């Protein structure tokens, strides 16, 4: 399905973006990885080329929050490769902590990258996706479907992303563009590794009510969902069960979450 597709991946130098790149490279896709850190991008591209001989991988060092630079980058990609078949928006950051202790800038930074960065990249790629009748894949989170202790900045940005993507689906389907919204639970990644250095105990207990998955599992489920043309891709059985419960039995999930948090606080007392 992905052979010879021109696929752009933001946040492609690490985490889920890179893991998706590994699988897409193995299927013969032509990849353009976008991230801010040029050294990480070069290492990622070298890995993909060495593991999958003959794979085309190019990189673009870019901050997707820079609208002018992102517009120019997407136009350059389309000029060089002739088209863009798929945009995977995987760039994102995370802040966690008690609401009253987080700085206002924490909220602004997370919203800037997770929401506006994705919005800017999507707008820049949109004319090219229309031309190819391609696919838009937005990586959100279970945190975009439910609240979680300590994730006030992150949940706010991911809820905004869910609303944006659901609205975009209605606008872009008539244009021939397939839209996918991916909502994984917590999984192994550099972002989560950093989180483990400072996260609150309440957040750890509440967020990991859904067992942490491997990034490989999330990548496989994401591509399976794209192949099946599913709009909402909730990865993993436990995450799907949690999403179902939150949607249909929200009071029950709040009771369960409250009990989990009280148990942590009793242990600390």
C-alpha atoms as a PDB file:
ATOM      1  CA  UNK A   1       0.000   0.000   0.000  1.00  0.00           C
ATOM      2  CA  UNK A   2       2.774   2.448   0.887  1.00  0.00           C
ATOM      3  CA  UNK A   3       5.299   1.533  -1.801  1.00  0.00           C
ATOM      4  CA  UNK A   4       6.629   4.622  -3.632  1.00  0.00           C
ATOM      5  CA  UNK A   5       4.343   6.888  -1.611  1.00  0.00           C
ATOM      6  CA  UNK A   6       5.802  10.299  -0.762  1.00  0.00           C
ATOM      7  CA  UNK A   7       5.270  10.469   2.996  1.00  0.00           C
ATOM      8  CA  UNK A   8       6.165  13.427   5.209  1.00  0.00           C
ATOM      9  CA  UNK A   9       6.551  12.745   8.944  1.00  0.00           C
ATOM     10  CA  UNK A  10       6.820  15.612  11.424  1.00  0.00           C
ATOM     11  CA  UNK A  11       8.555  14.602  14.631  1.00  0.00           C
ATOM     12  CA  UNK A  12      10.265  11.998  12.479  1.00  0.00           C
ATOM     13  CA  UNK A  13      13.625  11.908  14.254  1.00  0.00           C
ATOM     14  CA  UNK A  14      12.497   9.901  17.304  1.00  0.00           C
ATOM     15  CA  UNK A  15       9.615   8.219  19.073  1.00  0.00           C
ATOM     16  CA  UNK A  16       6.526   7.164  17.179  1.00  0.00           C
ATOM     17  CA  UNK A  17       7.422   9.251  14.130  1.00  0.00           C
ATOM     18  CA  UNK A  18      10.682   7.355  13.664  1.00  0.00           C
ATOM     19  CA  UNK A  19       9.057   3.997  14.426  1.00  0.00           C
ATOM     20  CA  UNK A  20       6.451   4.637  11.729  1.00  0.00           C
ATOM     21  CA  UNK A  21       9.308   5.609   9.423  1.00  0.00           C
ATOM     22  CA  UNK A  22      10.977   2.235  10.036  1.00  0.00           C
ATOM     23  CA  UNK A  23       7.866   0.358   8.987  1.00  0.00           C
ATOM     24  CA  UNK A  24       7.086   2.573   6.030  1.00  0.00           C
ATOM     25  CA  UNK A  25      10.666   2.351   4.789  1.00  0.00           C
ATOM     26  CA  UNK A  26      10.420  -1.439   4.924  1.00  0.00           C
ATOM     27  CA  UNK A  27       7.364  -1.188   2.645  1.00  0.00           C
ATOM     28  CA  UNK A  28       9.169   0.955   0.087  1.00  0.00           C
ATOM     29  CA  UNK A  29       7.820   4.402   0.937  1.00  0.00           C
ATOM     30  CA  UNK A  30       9.832   7.506   0.081  1.00  0.00           C
ATOM     31  CA  UNK A  31      10.212   9.374   3.360  1.00  0.00           C
ATOM     32  CA  UNK A  32      10.805  12.983   4.321  1.00  0.00           C
ATOM     33  CA  UNK A  33      11.492  13.338   8.044  1.00  0.00           C
ATOM     34  CA  UNK A  34      10.926  16.719   9.685  1.00  0.00           C
ATOM     35  CA  UNK A  35      12.155  17.791  13.127  1.00  0.00           C
ATOM     36  CA  UNK A  36      14.083  20.632  14.727  1.00  0.00           C
ATOM     37  CA  UNK A  37      17.313  18.811  15.627  1.00  0.00           C
ATOM     38  CA  UNK A  38      19.420  18.255  12.515  1.00  0.00           C
ATOM     39  CA  UNK A  39      21.784  15.793  14.193  1.00  0.00           C
ATOM     40  CA  UNK A  40      18.916  13.557  15.337  1.00  0.00           C
ATOM     41  CA  UNK A  41      17.410  13.746  11.859  1.00  0.00           C
ATOM     42  CA  UNK A  42      20.666  12.705  10.225  1.00  0.00           C
ATOM     43  CA  UNK A  43      21.060   9.765  12.619  1.00  0.00           C
ATOM     44  CA  UNK A  44      17.488   8.667  11.963  1.00  0.00           C
ATOM     45  CA  UNK A  45      17.943   8.871   8.195  1.00  0.00           C
ATOM     46  CA  UNK A  46      21.221   6.950   8.364  1.00  0.00           C
ATOM     47  CA  UNK A  47      19.554   4.207  10.405  1.00  0.00           C
ATOM     48  CA  UNK A  48      16.677   3.861   7.945  1.00  0.00           C
ATOM     49  CA  UNK A  49      18.990   3.761   4.925  1.00  0.00           C
ATOM     50  CA  UNK A  50      21.283   1.176   6.522  1.00  0.00           C
ATOM     51  CA  UNK A  51      18.407  -1.077   7.597  1.00  0.00           C
ATOM     52  CA  UNK A  52      16.498  -0.811   4.337  1.00  0.00           C
ATOM     53  CA  UNK A  53      18.921  -0.660   1.432  1.00  0.00           C
ATOM     54  CA  UNK A  54      17.760   1.538  -1.397  1.00  0.00           C
ATOM     55  CA  UNK A  55      15.189   3.354   0.728  1.00  0.00           C
ATOM     56  CA  UNK A  56      14.849   7.023  -0.113  1.00  0.00           C
ATOM     57  CA  UNK A  57      14.981   9.129   3.062  1.00  0.00           C
ATOM     58  CA  UNK A  58      15.508  12.885   3.122  1.00  0.00           C
ATOM     59  CA  UNK A  59      15.353  15.248   6.072  1.00  0.00           C
ATOM     60  CA  UNK A  60      14.248  18.809   6.694  1.00  0.00           C
ATOM     61  CA  UNK A  61      15.342  20.648   9.836  1.00  0.00           C
ATOM     62  CA  UNK A  62      12.324  22.768  10.684  1.00  0.00           C
ATOM     63  CA  UNK A  63      10.241  24.183  13.506  1.00  0.00           C
ATOM     64  CA  UNK A  64       6.659  23.515  12.390  1.00  0.00           C
ATOM     65  CA  UNK A  65       5.518  26.486  14.484  1.00  0.00           C
ATOM     66  CA  UNK A  66       7.237  28.756  11.928  1.00  0.00           C
ATOM     67  CA  UNK A  67       4.485  29.245   9.366  1.00  0.00           C
ATOM     68  CA  UNK A  68       6.583  30.821   6.598  1.00  0.00           C
ATOM     69  CA  UNK A  69       9.335  28.202   6.889  1.00  0.00           C
ATOM     70  CA  UNK A  70       6.817  25.339   6.975  1.00  0.00           C
ATOM     71  CA  UNK A  71       4.984  26.635   3.889  1.00  0.00           C
ATOM     72  CA  UNK A  72       8.288  26.903   2.029  1.00  0.00           C
ATOM     73  CA  UNK A  73       9.353  23.434   3.187  1.00  0.00           C
ATOM     74  CA  UNK A  74       6.174  21.692   1.992  1.00  0.00           C
ATOM     75  CA  UNK A  75       6.377  23.474  -1.355  1.00  0.00           C
ATOM     76  CA  UNK A  76      10.024  22.439  -1.690  1.00  0.00           C
ATOM     77  CA  UNK A  77       9.142  18.796  -0.931  1.00  0.00           C
ATOM     78  CA  UNK A  78       6.374  18.827  -3.539  1.00  0.00           C
ATOM     79  CA  UNK A  79       8.672  20.466  -6.112  1.00  0.00           C
ATOM     80  CA  UNK A  80      11.463  17.932  -5.569  1.00  0.00           C
ATOM     81  CA  UNK A  81       9.315  14.790  -5.321  1.00  0.00           C
ATOM     82  CA  UNK A  82       6.437  15.800  -7.547  1.00  0.00           C
ATOM     83  CA  UNK A  83       3.746  15.390  -4.901  1.00  0.00           C
ATOM     84  CA  UNK A  84       2.940  14.655  -1.243  1.00  0.00           C
ATOM     85  CA  UNK A  85       0.838  11.526  -0.686  1.00  0.00           C
ATOM     86  CA  UNK A  86       0.647  11.507   3.085  1.00  0.00           C
ATOM     87  CA  UNK A  87       1.374  13.830   5.991  1.00  0.00           C
ATOM     88  CA  UNK A  88       1.858  12.225   9.408  1.00  0.00           C
ATOM     89  CA  UNK A  89       1.763  14.852  12.155  1.00  0.00           C
ATOM     90  CA  UNK A  90       3.692  13.239  14.994  1.00  0.00           C
ATOM     91  CA  UNK A  91       5.584  16.221  16.455  1.00  0.00           C
ATOM     92  CA  UNK A  92       4.637  16.987  20.024  1.00  0.00           C
ATOM     93  CA  UNK A  93       5.822  17.928  23.513  1.00  0.00           C
ATOM     94  CA  UNK A  94       4.606  17.148  27.019  1.00  0.00           C
ATOM     95  CA  UNK A  95       4.407  19.041  30.306  1.00  0.00           C
ATOM     96  CA  UNK A  96       3.088  17.490  33.513  1.00  0.00           C
ATOM     97  CA  UNK A  97       2.546  18.833  36.995  1.00  0.00           C
ATOM     98  CA  UNK A  98       0.118  20.290  39.490  1.00  0.00           C
ATOM     99  CA  UNK A  99      -2.036  22.931  37.807  1.00  0.00           C
ATOM    100  CA  UNK A 100      -1.260  25.688  40.316  1.00  0.00           C
ATOM    101  CA  UNK A 101       2.488  25.076  40.014  1.00  0.00           C
ATOM    102  CA  UNK A 102       2.712  25.008  36.218  1.00  0.00           C
ATOM    103  CA  UNK A 103       3.700  28.268  34.534  1.00  0.00           C
ATOM    104  CA  UNK A 104       1.432  29.908  32.003  1.00  0.00           C
ATOM    105  CA  UNK A 105       4.256  29.399  29.500  1.00  0.00           C
ATOM    106  CA  UNK A 106       3.953  25.637  29.941  1.00  0.00           C
ATOM    107  CA  UNK A 107       0.414  25.837  28.588  1.00  0.00           C
ATOM    108  CA  UNK A 108       1.414  28.163  25.765  1.00  0.00           C
ATOM    109  CA  UNK A 109       4.399  26.011  24.729  1.00  0.00           C
ATOM    110  CA  UNK A 110       2.391  22.780  24.626  1.00  0.00           C
ATOM    111  CA  UNK A 111      -0.471  24.355  22.708  1.00  0.00           C
ATOM    112  CA  UNK A 112       1.952  26.010  20.297  1.00  0.00           C
ATOM    113  CA  UNK A 113       3.611  22.741  19.294  1.00  0.00           C
ATOM    114  CA  UNK A 114       0.850  20.160  19.722  1.00  0.00           C
ATOM    115  CA  UNK A 115      -1.958  22.211  18.211  1.00  0.00           C
ATOM    116  CA  UNK A 116      -0.684  25.180  16.225  1.00  0.00           C
ATOM    117  CA  UNK A 117       2.375  23.352  14.895  1.00  0.00           C
ATOM    118  CA  UNK A 118       0.159  20.581  13.573  1.00  0.00           C
ATOM    119  CA  UNK A 119      -2.328  23.092  12.195  1.00  0.00           C
ATOM    120  CA  UNK A 120       0.439  24.988  10.374  1.00  0.00           C
ATOM    121  CA  UNK A 121       1.945  21.810   8.895  1.00  0.00           C
ATOM    122  CA  UNK A 122      -1.487  20.658   7.742  1.00  0.00           C
ATOM    123  CA  UNK A 123      -2.332  23.962   6.081  1.00  0.00           C
ATOM    124  CA  UNK A 124       1.056  23.991   4.340  1.00  0.00           C
ATOM    125  CA  UNK A 125       0.638  20.452   2.988  1.00  0.00           C
ATOM    126  CA  UNK A 126      -3.056  20.731   2.161  1.00  0.00           C
ATOM    127  CA  UNK A 127      -2.822  21.929  -1.474  1.00  0.00           C
ATOM    128  CA  UNK A 128      -0.474  19.040  -2.234  1.00  0.00           C
ATOM    129  CA  UNK A 129      -2.667  16.475  -0.447  1.00  0.00           C
ATOM    130  CA  UNK A 130      -5.640  17.730  -2.458  1.00  0.00           C
ATOM    131  CA  UNK A 131      -3.683  17.306  -5.668  1.00  0.00           C
ATOM    132  CA  UNK A 132      -2.694  13.719  -4.796  1.00  0.00           C
ATOM    133  CA  UNK A 133      -5.977  12.862  -3.039  1.00  0.00           C
ATOM    134  CA  UNK A 134      -3.753  11.754  -0.225  1.00  0.00           C
ATOM    135  CA  UNK A 135      -3.942  11.097   3.505  1.00  0.00           C
ATOM    136  CA  UNK A 136      -3.655  13.195   6.649  1.00  0.00           C
ATOM    137  CA  UNK A 137      -2.671  11.319   9.821  1.00  0.00           C
ATOM    138  CA  UNK A 138      -2.830  13.255  13.101  1.00  0.00           C
ATOM    139  CA  UNK A 139      -1.260  11.643  16.152  1.00  0.00           C
ATOM    140  CA  UNK A 140      -3.291  12.632  19.192  1.00  0.00           C
ATOM    141  CA  UNK A 141      -3.542  10.620  22.408  1.00  0.00           C
ATOM    142  CA  UNK A 142      -5.944   8.990  24.814  1.00  0.00           C
ATOM    143  CA  UNK A 143      -5.361  12.304  26.599  1.00  0.00           C
ATOM    144  CA  UNK A 144      -7.377  13.863  23.777  1.00  0.00           C
ATOM    145  CA  UNK A 145     -10.374  11.710  24.654  1.00  0.00           C
ATOM    146  CA  UNK A 146     -10.261  11.891  28.461  1.00  0.00           C
ATOM    147  CA  UNK A 147      -8.733  13.962  31.233  1.00  0.00           C
ATOM    148  CA  UNK A 148      -5.801  12.811  33.347  1.00  0.00           C
ATOM    149  CA  UNK A 149      -4.291  14.070  36.580  1.00  0.00           C
ATOM    150  CA  UNK A 150      -1.357  16.415  35.960  1.00  0.00           C
ATOM    151  CA  UNK A 151      -1.919  16.642  32.216  1.00  0.00           C
ATOM    152  CA  UNK A 152      -3.817  19.932  32.102  1.00  0.00           C
ATOM    153  CA  UNK A 153      -1.579  21.453  29.378  1.00  0.00           C
ATOM    154  CA  UNK A 154      -1.242  18.211  27.433  1.00  0.00           C
ATOM    155  CA  UNK A 155      -4.906  17.181  27.609  1.00  0.00           C
ATOM    156  CA  UNK A 156      -6.017  20.660  26.575  1.00  0.00           C
ATOM    157  CA  UNK A 157      -3.818  20.557  23.481  1.00  0.00           C
ATOM    158  CA  UNK A 158      -4.832  17.029  22.529  1.00  0.00           C
ATOM    159  CA  UNK A 159      -8.541  17.701  23.057  1.00  0.00           C
ATOM    160  CA  UNK A 160      -8.143  20.694  20.734  1.00  0.00           C
ATOM    161  CA  UNK A 161      -6.417  18.452  18.214  1.00  0.00           C
ATOM    162  CA  UNK A 162      -9.253  15.916  18.352  1.00  0.00           C
ATOM    163  CA  UNK A 163     -11.804  18.645  17.666  1.00  0.00           C
ATOM    164  CA  UNK A 164      -9.743  20.036  14.802  1.00  0.00           C
ATOM    165  CA  UNK A 165      -9.279  16.622  13.196  1.00  0.00           C
ATOM    166  CA  UNK A 166     -12.929  15.630  13.516  1.00  0.00           C
ATOM    167  CA  UNK A 167     -13.916  18.906  11.819  1.00  0.00           C
ATOM    168  CA  UNK A 168     -11.252  18.505   9.133  1.00  0.00           C
ATOM    169  CA  UNK A 169     -12.585  15.072   8.262  1.00  0.00           C
ATOM    170  CA  UNK A 170     -15.911  16.593   7.199  1.00  0.00           C
ATOM    171  CA  UNK A 171     -14.164  19.262   5.120  1.00  0.00           C
ATOM    172  CA  UNK A 172     -11.540  17.068   3.475  1.00  0.00           C
ATOM    173  CA  UNK A 173     -13.449  13.860   2.722  1.00  0.00           C
ATOM    174  CA  UNK A 174     -15.306  15.546  -0.190  1.00  0.00           C
ATOM    175  CA  UNK A 175     -11.882  16.632  -1.497  1.00  0.00           C
ATOM    176  CA  UNK A 176     -10.759  13.000  -1.666  1.00  0.00           C
ATOM    177  CA  UNK A 177      -8.403  13.251   1.329  1.00  0.00           C
ATOM    178  CA  UNK A 178      -8.528  10.427   3.875  1.00  0.00           C
ATOM    179  CA  UNK A 179      -8.178  11.693   7.446  1.00  0.00           C
ATOM    180  CA  UNK A 180      -7.016   9.550  10.376  1.00  0.00           C
ATOM    181  CA  UNK A 181      -6.978  10.402  14.088  1.00  0.00           C
ATOM    182  CA  UNK A 182      -4.648   8.200  16.150  1.00  0.00           C
ATOM    183  CA  UNK A 183      -5.190   8.033  19.922  1.00  0.00           C
ATOM    184  CA  UNK A 184      -2.667   5.816  21.711  1.00  0.00           C
ATOM    185  CA  UNK A 185      -2.241   5.378  25.413  1.00  0.00           C
ATOM    186  CA  UNK A 186       1.138   5.931  27.016  1.00  0.00           C
ATOM    187  CA  UNK A 187       4.019   4.177  25.276  1.00  0.00           C
ATOM    188  CA  UNK A 188       7.794   3.981  25.486  1.00  0.00           C
ATOM    189  CA  UNK A 189       9.358   7.072  23.909  1.00  0.00           C
ATOM    190  CA  UNK A 190      11.993   9.725  24.662  1.00  0.00           C
ATOM    191  CA  UNK A 191       9.169  12.056  25.733  1.00  0.00           C
ATOM    192  CA  UNK A 192       7.878   9.567  28.306  1.00  0.00           C
ATOM    193  CA  UNK A 193      11.439   8.758  29.430  1.00  0.00           C
ATOM    194  CA  UNK A 194      11.887  12.458  30.218  1.00  0.00           C
ATOM    195  CA  UNK A 195       8.513  12.549  31.959  1.00  0.00           C
ATOM    196  CA  UNK A 196       9.593   9.756  34.309  1.00  0.00           C
ATOM    197  CA  UNK A 197      12.246  12.093  35.754  1.00  0.00           C
ATOM    198  CA  UNK A 198       9.702  14.513  37.207  1.00  0.00           C
ATOM    199  CA  UNK A 199       6.109  13.259  36.940  1.00  0.00           C
ATOM    200  CA  UNK A 200       3.791  13.417  39.929  1.00  0.00           C
ATOM    201  CA  UNK A 201       2.911  10.099  41.586  1.00  0.00           C
ATOM    202  CA  UNK A 202      -0.781  10.769  41.000  1.00  0.00           C
ATOM    203  CA  UNK A 203      -0.134  11.168  37.276  1.00  0.00           C
ATOM    204  CA  UNK A 204       1.880   7.958  37.103  1.00  0.00           C
ATOM    205  CA  UNK A 205      -0.879   5.961  38.787  1.00  0.00           C
ATOM    206  CA  UNK A 206      -3.736   7.558  36.843  1.00  0.00           C
ATOM    207  CA  UNK A 207      -2.106   7.553  33.402  1.00  0.00           C
ATOM    208  CA  UNK A 208      -0.805   4.032  33.774  1.00  0.00           C
ATOM    209  CA  UNK A 209      -4.221   2.651  34.612  1.00  0.00           C
ATOM    210  CA  UNK A 210      -3.823   1.712  30.968  1.00  0.00           C
ATOM    211  CA  UNK A 211      -0.614  -0.361  30.837  1.00  0.00           C
ATOM    212  CA  UNK A 212       2.232   1.319  28.985  1.00  0.00           C
ATOM    213  CA  UNK A 213       2.727  -0.108  25.494  1.00  0.00           C
ATOM    214  CA  UNK A 214       5.785  -0.434  23.293  1.00  0.00           C
ATOM    215  CA  UNK A 215       6.233   2.065  20.493  1.00  0.00           C
ATOM    216  CA  UNK A 216       6.385  -0.845  18.043  1.00  0.00           C
ATOM    217  CA  UNK A 217       2.899  -1.952  19.076  1.00  0.00           C
ATOM    218  CA  UNK A 218       1.541   1.570  18.581  1.00  0.00           C
ATOM    219  CA  UNK A 219       3.170   1.884  15.149  1.00  0.00           C
ATOM    220  CA  UNK A 220       1.760  -1.461  13.989  1.00  0.00           C
ATOM    221  CA  UNK A 221      -1.748  -0.555  15.146  1.00  0.00           C
ATOM    222  CA  UNK A 222      -1.510   2.854  13.483  1.00  0.00           C
ATOM    223  CA  UNK A 223      -0.595   1.423  10.098  1.00  0.00           C
ATOM    224  CA  UNK A 224      -3.220  -1.319  10.415  1.00  0.00           C
ATOM    225  CA  UNK A 225      -5.827   1.381  11.003  1.00  0.00           C
ATOM    226  CA  UNK A 226      -4.659   3.382   7.991  1.00  0.00           C
ATOM    227  CA  UNK A 227      -4.805   0.289   5.785  1.00  0.00           C
ATOM    228  CA  UNK A 228      -8.356  -0.335   6.993  1.00  0.00           C
ATOM    229  CA  UNK A 229      -9.322   3.310   6.256  1.00  0.00           C
ATOM    230  CA  UNK A 230     -10.444   3.847   9.850  1.00  0.00           C
ATOM    231  CA  UNK A 231     -10.852   7.460  10.915  1.00  0.00           C
ATOM    232  CA  UNK A 232     -10.429   6.923  14.667  1.00  0.00           C
ATOM    233  CA  UNK A 233      -7.547   4.617  15.489  1.00  0.00           C
ATOM    234  CA  UNK A 234      -7.406   3.849  19.214  1.00  0.00           C
ATOM    235  CA  UNK A 235      -4.414   1.591  19.665  1.00  0.00           C
ATOM    236  CA  UNK A 236      -4.467  -1.454  21.917  1.00  0.00           C
ATOM    237  CA  UNK A 237      -7.258  -3.417  23.560  1.00  0.00           C
ATOM    238  CA  UNK A 238      -6.878  -1.768  26.983  1.00  0.00           C
ATOM    239  CA  UNK A 239      -6.898   1.715  25.457  1.00  0.00           C
ATOM    240  CA  UNK A 240      -9.974   0.913  23.363  1.00  0.00           C
ATOM    241  CA  UNK A 241     -11.748  -0.377  26.472  1.00  0.00           C
ATOM    242  CA  UNK A 242     -10.839   2.791  28.387  1.00  0.00           C
ATOM    243  CA  UNK A 243     -12.041   4.991  25.506  1.00  0.00           C
ATOM    244  CA  UNK A 244     -15.314   3.048  25.326  1.00  0.00           C
ATOM    245  CA  UNK A 245     -15.858   3.356  29.071  1.00  0.00           C
ATOM    246  CA  UNK A 246     -15.055   7.069  29.061  1.00  0.00           C
ATOM    247  CA  UNK A 247     -17.501   7.676  26.225  1.00  0.00           C
ATOM    248  CA  UNK A 248     -20.398   5.561  27.472  1.00  0.00           C
ATOM    249  CA  UNK A 249     -19.850   5.453  31.244  1.00  0.00           C
ATOM    250  CA  UNK A 250     -18.049   8.721  32.097  1.00  0.00           C
ATOM    251  CA  UNK A 251     -19.252   8.817  35.710  1.00  0.00           C
ATOM    252  CA  UNK A 252     -17.811   5.346  36.295  1.00  0.00           C
ATOM    253  CA  UNK A 253     -14.420   6.301  34.875  1.00  0.00           C
ATOM    254  CA  UNK A 254     -14.340   9.400  37.095  1.00  0.00           C
ATOM    255  CA  UNK A 255     -15.099   7.300  40.174  1.00  0.00           C
ATOM    256  CA  UNK A 256     -12.338   4.867  39.230  1.00  0.00           C
ATOM    257  CA  UNK A 257      -9.883   7.713  38.624  1.00  0.00           C
ATOM    258  CA  UNK A 258     -10.759   9.404  41.919  1.00  0.00           C
ATOM    259  CA  UNK A 259     -10.157   6.167  43.806  1.00  0.00           C
ATOM    260  CA  UNK A 260      -6.786   5.701  42.120  1.00  0.00           C
ATOM    261  CA  UNK A 261      -5.660   9.205  43.084  1.00  0.00           C
ATOM    262  CA  UNK A 262      -6.931   8.900  46.672  1.00  0.00           C
ATOM    263  CA  UNK A 263      -5.039   5.618  47.032  1.00  0.00           C
ATOM    264  CA  UNK A 264      -1.803   7.324  45.963  1.00  0.00           C
ATOM    265  CA  UNK A 265      -2.318  10.172  48.420  1.00  0.00           C
ATOM    266  CA  UNK A 266      -3.058   7.801  51.309  1.00  0.00           C
ATOM    267  CA  UNK A 267       0.182   5.975  50.544  1.00  0.00           C
ATOM    268  CA  UNK A 268       2.122   9.270  50.633  1.00  0.00           C
ATOM    269  CA  UNK A 269       0.494  10.494  53.834  1.00  0.00           C
END
